C-alpha cells in the first residue's frame, strides 16, 4: 500500500465515482450545460438602467455647440 501515489488515488476515485454515480452523471451534465447557457445569456444582455453602457451608445457632447463658448 505504500507505493500508491496521487495518480493512483485519482484513478481509484474516478472508478468509484463511475461505479456508484453513473446513473446521475447525465442529469448532472445536463444541468451544468443549462446553467452555462443561462449565464452566457445574462452576460450578453445589458441590464435595464445600466450606467456602464458603452460610450458609442450615448449621445456625443460637443463643446463647440454650447451657447457662450
N, C-alpha and C. Protein backbone atom coordinates (compact mmCIF):
# COMPACT_ATOMS: atom_id res chain seq x y z
N UNK A 1 0.81 -1.20 0.00
CA UNK A 1 0.00 0.00 0.00
C UNK A 1 0.86 1.26 0.00
N UNK A 2 2.11 1.15 0.33
CA UNK A 2 2.98 2.31 0.42
C UNK A 2 3.38 2.87 -0.94
N UNK A 3 3.15 2.13 -2.02
CA UNK A 3 3.55 2.56 -3.35
C UNK A 3 2.46 3.36 -4.07
N UNK A 4 1.36 3.67 -3.41
CA UNK A 4 0.29 4.43 -4.04
C UNK A 4 0.67 5.91 -4.10
N UNK A 5 0.50 6.51 -5.28
CA UNK A 5 0.80 7.92 -5.46
C UNK A 5 -0.51 8.69 -5.66
N UNK A 6 -0.40 9.96 -5.91
CA UNK A 6 -1.57 10.80 -6.15
C UNK A 6 -2.35 10.36 -7.37
N UNK A 7 -1.64 9.92 -8.41
CA UNK A 7 -2.32 9.46 -9.63
C UNK A 7 -3.14 8.20 -9.37
N UNK A 8 -2.61 7.31 -8.54
CA UNK A 8 -3.34 6.09 -8.21
C UNK A 8 -4.63 6.43 -7.46
N UNK A 9 -4.53 7.34 -6.54
CA UNK A 9 -5.70 7.76 -5.78
C UNK A 9 -6.74 8.43 -6.66
N UNK A 10 -6.29 9.24 -7.62
CA UNK A 10 -7.20 9.90 -8.54
C UNK A 10 -7.92 8.89 -9.43
N UNK A 11 -7.20 7.91 -9.93
CA UNK A 11 -7.81 6.88 -10.77
C UNK A 11 -8.79 6.04 -9.94
N UNK A 12 -8.43 5.71 -8.73
CA UNK A 12 -9.32 4.95 -7.85
C UNK A 12 -10.59 5.73 -7.56
N UNK A 13 -10.47 7.02 -7.32
CA UNK A 13 -11.62 7.88 -7.08
C UNK A 13 -12.52 7.95 -8.31
N UNK A 14 -11.93 8.02 -9.49
CA UNK A 14 -12.69 8.05 -10.73
C UNK A 14 -13.47 6.75 -10.94
N UNK A 15 -12.85 5.62 -10.66
CA UNK A 15 -13.51 4.32 -10.81
C UNK A 15 -14.68 4.22 -9.83
N UNK A 16 -14.49 4.62 -8.60
CA UNK A 16 -15.56 4.57 -7.60
C UNK A 16 -16.70 5.51 -8.01
N UNK A 17 -16.36 6.68 -8.50
CA UNK A 17 -17.37 7.64 -8.96
C UNK A 17 -18.19 7.06 -10.10
N UNK A 18 -17.53 6.42 -11.06
CA UNK A 18 -18.25 5.82 -12.19
C UNK A 18 -19.12 4.66 -11.77
N UNK A 19 -18.69 3.88 -10.78
CA UNK A 19 -19.47 2.73 -10.34
C UNK A 19 -20.73 3.14 -9.59
N UNK A 20 -20.61 4.12 -8.70
CA UNK A 20 -21.73 4.45 -7.83
C UNK A 20 -22.55 5.65 -8.29
N UNK A 21 -22.01 6.51 -9.11
CA UNK A 21 -22.74 7.72 -9.52
C UNK A 21 -23.06 7.74 -11.00
N UNK A 22 -22.84 6.65 -11.71
CA UNK A 22 -23.06 6.63 -13.16
C UNK A 22 -24.48 7.02 -13.57
N UNK A 23 -25.52 6.56 -12.88
CA UNK A 23 -26.87 6.95 -13.30
C UNK A 23 -27.15 8.45 -13.15
N UNK A 24 -26.45 9.13 -12.27
CA UNK A 24 -26.70 10.55 -12.02
C UNK A 24 -25.86 11.46 -12.90
N UNK A 25 -24.83 10.94 -13.56
CA UNK A 25 -23.94 11.78 -14.36
C UNK A 25 -24.63 12.48 -15.53
N UNK A 26 -25.53 11.85 -16.30
CA UNK A 26 -26.18 12.57 -17.40
C UNK A 26 -27.02 13.76 -16.92
N UNK A 27 -27.72 13.59 -15.82
CA UNK A 27 -28.51 14.70 -15.27
C UNK A 27 -27.61 15.83 -14.79
N UNK A 28 -26.49 15.48 -14.19
CA UNK A 28 -25.54 16.49 -13.73
C UNK A 28 -24.96 17.27 -14.90
N UNK A 29 -24.59 16.58 -15.96
CA UNK A 29 -24.04 17.23 -17.15
C UNK A 29 -25.09 18.12 -17.81
N UNK A 30 -26.33 17.67 -17.86
CA UNK A 30 -27.42 18.44 -18.47
C UNK A 30 -27.66 19.73 -17.68
N UNK A 31 -27.72 19.64 -16.37
CA UNK A 31 -27.96 20.84 -15.56
C UNK A 31 -26.78 21.80 -15.63
N UNK A 32 -25.57 21.27 -15.73
CA UNK A 32 -24.40 22.13 -15.88
C UNK A 32 -24.45 22.88 -17.21
N UNK A 33 -24.83 22.19 -18.28
CA UNK A 33 -24.96 22.84 -19.59
C UNK A 33 -26.02 23.91 -19.60
N UNK A 34 -27.15 23.66 -18.95
CA UNK A 34 -28.22 24.66 -18.87
C UNK A 34 -27.76 25.87 -18.07
N UNK A 35 -27.03 25.64 -17.01
CA UNK A 35 -26.53 26.74 -16.19
C UNK A 35 -25.56 27.62 -16.98
N UNK A 36 -24.69 27.00 -17.76
CA UNK A 36 -23.74 27.76 -18.57
C UNK A 36 -24.48 28.57 -19.63
N UNK A 37 -25.51 27.98 -20.25
CA UNK A 37 -26.30 28.69 -21.26
C UNK A 37 -26.99 29.90 -20.66
N UNK A 38 -27.58 29.75 -19.48
CA UNK A 38 -28.25 30.86 -18.81
C UNK A 38 -27.24 31.93 -18.45
N UNK A 39 -26.09 31.54 -17.94
CA UNK A 39 -25.06 32.50 -17.55
C UNK A 39 -24.58 33.31 -18.75
N UNK A 40 -24.34 32.65 -19.88
CA UNK A 40 -23.89 33.36 -21.08
C UNK A 40 -24.95 34.34 -21.57
N UNK A 41 -26.21 33.94 -21.51
CA UNK A 41 -27.30 34.82 -21.92
C UNK A 41 -27.40 36.05 -21.03
N UNK A 42 -27.20 35.88 -19.74
CA UNK A 42 -27.27 37.01 -18.82
C UNK A 42 -26.07 37.94 -18.98
N UNK A 43 -24.93 37.40 -19.33
CA UNK A 43 -23.74 38.23 -19.50
C UNK A 43 -23.86 39.07 -20.77
N UNK A 44 -24.45 38.52 -21.84
CA UNK A 44 -24.52 39.22 -23.12
C UNK A 44 -25.52 40.36 -23.13
N UNK A 45 -26.66 40.23 -22.43
CA UNK A 45 -27.66 41.29 -22.49
C UNK A 45 -27.40 42.31 -21.38
N UNK A 46 -27.45 43.59 -21.72
CA UNK A 46 -27.23 44.63 -20.71
C UNK A 46 -28.47 44.76 -19.82
N UNK A 47 -28.25 45.06 -18.57
CA UNK A 47 -29.35 45.23 -17.63
C UNK A 47 -30.04 46.57 -17.89
N UNK A 48 -31.31 46.65 -17.61
CA UNK A 48 -32.07 47.89 -17.80
C UNK A 48 -31.55 48.93 -16.82
N UNK A 49 -31.28 50.13 -17.32
CA UNK A 49 -30.78 51.20 -16.47
C UNK A 49 -29.32 51.06 -16.11
N UNK A 50 -28.61 50.24 -16.83
CA UNK A 50 -27.19 50.03 -16.56
C UNK A 50 -26.40 51.25 -17.01
N UNK A 51 -25.65 51.85 -16.10
CA UNK A 51 -24.88 53.05 -16.43
C UNK A 51 -23.52 52.73 -17.01
N UNK A 52 -23.18 51.47 -17.12
CA UNK A 52 -21.88 51.10 -17.68
C UNK A 52 -22.00 50.79 -19.16
N UNK A 53 -22.98 51.42 -19.83
CA UNK A 53 -23.16 51.21 -21.27
C UNK A 53 -21.99 51.81 -22.02
N UNK A 54 -21.64 51.27 -23.17
CA UNK A 54 -20.53 51.82 -23.95
C UNK A 54 -20.80 53.26 -24.37
N UNK A 55 -19.76 54.03 -24.51
CA UNK A 55 -19.89 55.45 -24.86
C UNK A 55 -20.45 55.64 -26.27
N UNK A 56 -20.32 54.67 -27.14
CA UNK A 56 -20.82 54.79 -28.51
C UNK A 56 -22.35 54.85 -28.52
N UNK A 57 -23.01 54.30 -27.49
CA UNK A 57 -24.46 54.31 -27.44
C UNK A 57 -25.00 55.63 -26.88
N UNK A 58 -24.15 56.41 -26.24
CA UNK A 58 -24.59 57.67 -25.64
C UNK A 58 -24.47 58.80 -26.65
N UNK A 59 -25.32 59.84 -26.53
CA UNK A 59 -25.19 60.98 -27.44
C UNK A 59 -23.87 61.70 -27.21
N UNK A 60 -23.27 62.17 -28.29
CA UNK A 60 -21.99 62.85 -28.20
C UNK A 60 -22.18 64.24 -27.63
N UNK A 61 -21.25 64.66 -26.77
CA UNK A 61 -21.30 66.01 -26.19
C UNK A 61 -20.23 66.83 -26.89
N UNK A 62 -20.65 67.80 -27.66
CA UNK A 62 -19.73 68.64 -28.41
C UNK A 62 -19.66 70.00 -27.73
N UNK A 63 -18.47 70.40 -27.26
CA UNK A 63 -18.31 71.66 -26.55
C UNK A 63 -18.52 72.87 -27.48
N UNK A 64 -18.33 72.72 -28.77
CA UNK A 64 -18.46 73.82 -29.71
C UNK A 64 -19.92 74.25 -29.89
N UNK A 65 -20.87 73.40 -29.58
CA UNK A 65 -22.27 73.75 -29.77
C UNK A 65 -22.89 74.37 -28.54
N UNK A 66 -22.13 74.52 -27.45
CA UNK A 66 -22.67 75.12 -26.24
C UNK A 66 -22.80 76.63 -26.44
N UNK A 67 -23.90 77.23 -25.97
CA UNK A 67 -24.01 78.69 -26.05
C UNK A 67 -23.00 79.35 -25.12
N UNK A 68 -22.41 80.40 -25.59
CA UNK A 68 -21.43 81.14 -24.79
C UNK A 68 -20.03 80.59 -24.89
N UNK A 69 -19.80 79.68 -25.76
CA UNK A 69 -18.46 79.10 -25.87
C UNK A 69 -17.69 79.77 -26.98
